[in-house]
Amino acid sequence: MDNHIISKQKLSKYFELTEKALEKAKKAIIIGKEQEAKEILDMVDNYLSDARFFNTKNKIVDSFAAINYAHGWLDSGARLGIFNVKDNALFTIK
């Protein structure tokens, strides 16, 4: 796969990764961090919705950008100790 092209396959892979990470994060909210988690999860849902919308309009670059923002929010929650996740394939964690 060419690294200079955002293919439908590459976009699909990133949707899958982000959706898996979202499901893990929802199940791993740290007690006492529920409000922060809700704010992050709301942003993730919003960006995922945008990514899906752009994808239906065949705006692949916009969709790819939105999915990456969504995943970035999940990574920030993991790094800030809002989600207790250990999967370094899905999250940027230590």
C-alpha atoms as a PDB file:
ATOM      1  CA  MET A   1       0.000   0.000   0.000  1.00  0.00           C
ATOM      2  CA  ASP A   2       1.363   3.386  -1.012  1.00  0.00           C
ATOM      3  CA  ASN A   3       2.046   5.630   2.003  1.00  0.00           C
ATOM      4  CA  HIS A   4       1.240   8.750  -0.031  1.00  0.00           C
ATOM      5  CA  ILE A   5      -2.347   7.739  -0.741  1.00  0.00           C
ATOM      6  CA  ILE A   6      -5.299   7.516   1.620  1.00  0.00           C
ATOM      7  CA  SER A   7      -7.070   4.526   0.166  1.00  0.00           C
ATOM      8  CA  LYS A   8     -10.491   3.238   1.168  1.00  0.00           C
ATOM      9  CA  GLN A   9      -8.673   0.244   2.690  1.00  0.00           C
ATOM     10  CA  LYS A  10      -6.410   2.453   4.783  1.00  0.00           C
ATOM     11  CA  LEU A  11      -9.365   4.541   5.921  1.00  0.00           C
ATOM     12  CA  SER A  12     -11.269   1.384   6.834  1.00  0.00           C
ATOM     13  CA  LYS A  13      -8.281   0.167   8.878  1.00  0.00           C
ATOM     14  CA  TYR A  14      -8.202   3.413  10.858  1.00  0.00           C
ATOM     15  CA  PHE A  15     -11.956   3.308  11.468  1.00  0.00           C
ATOM     16  CA  GLU A  16     -11.555  -0.223  12.814  1.00  0.00           C
ATOM     17  CA  LEU A  17      -8.629   0.712  15.088  1.00  0.00           C
ATOM     18  CA  THR A  18     -10.398   3.759  16.482  1.00  0.00           C
ATOM     19  CA  GLU A  19     -13.658   1.914  17.065  1.00  0.00           C
ATOM     20  CA  LYS A  20     -11.789  -0.874  18.920  1.00  0.00           C
ATOM     21  CA  ALA A  21      -9.944   1.698  21.025  1.00  0.00           C
ATOM     22  CA  LEU A  22     -13.210   3.482  21.796  1.00  0.00           C
ATOM     23  CA  GLU A  23     -14.829   0.274  23.039  1.00  0.00           C
ATOM     24  CA  LYS A  24     -11.828  -0.472  25.271  1.00  0.00           C
ATOM     25  CA  ALA A  25     -11.766   3.066  26.646  1.00  0.00           C
ATOM     26  CA  LYS A  26     -15.488   2.982  27.492  1.00  0.00           C
ATOM     27  CA  LYS A  27     -14.856  -0.109  29.637  1.00  0.00           C
ATOM     28  CA  ALA A  28     -11.754   1.313  31.332  1.00  0.00           C
ATOM     29  CA  ILE A  29     -12.816   4.636  32.845  1.00  0.00           C
ATOM     30  CA  ILE A  30     -10.930   5.382  36.047  1.00  0.00           C
ATOM     31  CA  ILE A  31     -13.188   5.856  39.069  1.00  0.00           C
ATOM     32  CA  GLY A  32     -13.394   9.551  39.846  1.00  0.00           C
ATOM     33  CA  LYS A  33     -12.627  10.520  36.233  1.00  0.00           C
ATOM     34  CA  GLU A  34     -16.117   9.943  34.837  1.00  0.00           C
ATOM     35  CA  GLN A  35     -16.764  13.585  33.906  1.00  0.00           C
ATOM     36  CA  GLU A  36     -13.458  13.934  32.089  1.00  0.00           C
ATOM     37  CA  ALA A  37     -14.092  10.623  30.330  1.00  0.00           C
ATOM     38  CA  LYS A  38     -17.552  11.775  29.241  1.00  0.00           C
ATOM     39  CA  GLU A  39     -16.110  14.929  27.687  1.00  0.00           C
ATOM     40  CA  ILE A  40     -13.464  12.948  25.822  1.00  0.00           C
ATOM     41  CA  LEU A  41     -15.903  10.266  24.673  1.00  0.00           C
ATOM     42  CA  ASP A  42     -18.325  12.938  23.450  1.00  0.00           C
ATOM     43  CA  MET A  43     -15.542  14.490  21.360  1.00  0.00           C
ATOM     44  CA  VAL A  44     -14.573  11.077  19.996  1.00  0.00           C
ATOM     45  CA  ASP A  45     -18.193  10.391  19.045  1.00  0.00           C
ATOM     46  CA  ASN A  46     -18.431  13.793  17.334  1.00  0.00           C
ATOM     47  CA  TYR A  47     -15.256  13.264  15.313  1.00  0.00           C
ATOM     48  CA  LEU A  48     -16.273   9.705  14.400  1.00  0.00           C
ATOM     49  CA  SER A  49     -19.613  11.033  13.209  1.00  0.00           C
ATOM     50  CA  ASP A  50     -17.808  13.645  11.109  1.00  0.00           C
ATOM     51  CA  ALA A  51     -15.479  10.990   9.697  1.00  0.00           C
ATOM     52  CA  ARG A  52     -18.423   8.796   8.699  1.00  0.00           C
ATOM     53  CA  PHE A  53     -20.215  11.754   7.113  1.00  0.00           C
ATOM     54  CA  PHE A  54     -17.160  12.788   5.100  1.00  0.00           C
ATOM     55  CA  ASN A  55     -16.679   9.183   4.037  1.00  0.00           C
ATOM     56  CA  THR A  56     -20.236   9.029   2.648  1.00  0.00           C
ATOM     57  CA  LYS A  57     -19.450  12.180   0.635  1.00  0.00           C
ATOM     58  CA  ASN A  58     -16.240  10.564  -0.650  1.00  0.00           C
ATOM     59  CA  LYS A  59     -14.169  13.245   1.100  1.00  0.00           C
ATOM     60  CA  ILE A  60     -11.462  10.778   2.043  1.00  0.00           C
ATOM     61  CA  VAL A  61      -8.878  13.285   3.283  1.00  0.00           C
ATOM     62  CA  ASP A  62     -11.416  15.000   5.551  1.00  0.00           C
ATOM     63  CA  SER A  63     -12.635  11.635   6.817  1.00  0.00           C
ATOM     64  CA  PHE A  64      -9.061  10.522   7.530  1.00  0.00           C
ATOM     65  CA  ALA A  65      -8.357  13.761   9.398  1.00  0.00           C
ATOM     66  CA  ALA A  66     -11.490  13.409  11.528  1.00  0.00           C
ATOM     67  CA  ILE A  67     -10.762   9.785  12.416  1.00  0.00           C
ATOM     68  CA  ASN A  68      -7.262  10.754  13.487  1.00  0.00           C
ATOM     69  CA  TYR A  69      -8.604  13.546  15.696  1.00  0.00           C
ATOM     70  CA  ALA A  70     -10.992  11.032  17.271  1.00  0.00           C
ATOM     71  CA  HIS A  71      -8.157   8.659  18.026  1.00  0.00           C
ATOM     72  CA  GLY A  72      -6.024  11.511  19.349  1.00  0.00           C
ATOM     73  CA  TRP A  73      -8.683  12.264  21.941  1.00  0.00           C
ATOM     74  CA  LEU A  74      -8.606   8.618  23.049  1.00  0.00           C
ATOM     75  CA  ASP A  75      -4.818   8.689  23.280  1.00  0.00           C
ATOM     76  CA  SER A  76      -4.921  11.841  25.382  1.00  0.00           C
ATOM     77  CA  GLY A  77      -7.370  10.198  27.796  1.00  0.00           C
ATOM     78  CA  ALA A  78      -5.085   7.188  28.094  1.00  0.00           C
ATOM     79  CA  ARG A  79      -1.984   9.345  28.674  1.00  0.00           C
ATOM     80  CA  LEU A  80      -3.752  11.566  31.211  1.00  0.00           C
ATOM     81  CA  GLY A  81      -4.895   8.577  33.274  1.00  0.00           C
ATOM     82  CA  ILE A  82      -8.599   8.880  32.506  1.00  0.00           C
ATOM     83  CA  PHE A  83      -8.748   5.445  30.883  1.00  0.00           C
ATOM     84  CA  ASN A  84      -6.939   2.476  32.380  1.00  0.00           C
ATOM     85  CA  VAL A  85      -5.829   0.850  29.141  1.00  0.00           C
ATOM     86  CA  LYS A  86      -2.740  -1.268  28.574  1.00  0.00           C
ATOM     87  CA  ASP A  87      -2.991  -1.967  24.840  1.00  0.00           C
ATOM     88  CA  ASN A  88      -0.114  -0.168  23.145  1.00  0.00           C
ATOM     89  CA  ALA A  89      -1.349  -1.313  19.741  1.00  0.00           C
ATOM     90  CA  LEU A  90      -4.481   0.808  20.155  1.00  0.00           C
ATOM     91  CA  PHE A  91      -3.206   3.619  22.398  1.00  0.00           C
ATOM     92  CA  THR A  92      -0.096   5.756  22.649  1.00  0.00           C
ATOM     93  CA  ILE A  93       0.895   4.734  26.167  1.00  0.00           C
ATOM     94  CA  LYS A  94       4.110   4.198  28.068  1.00  0.00           C
END
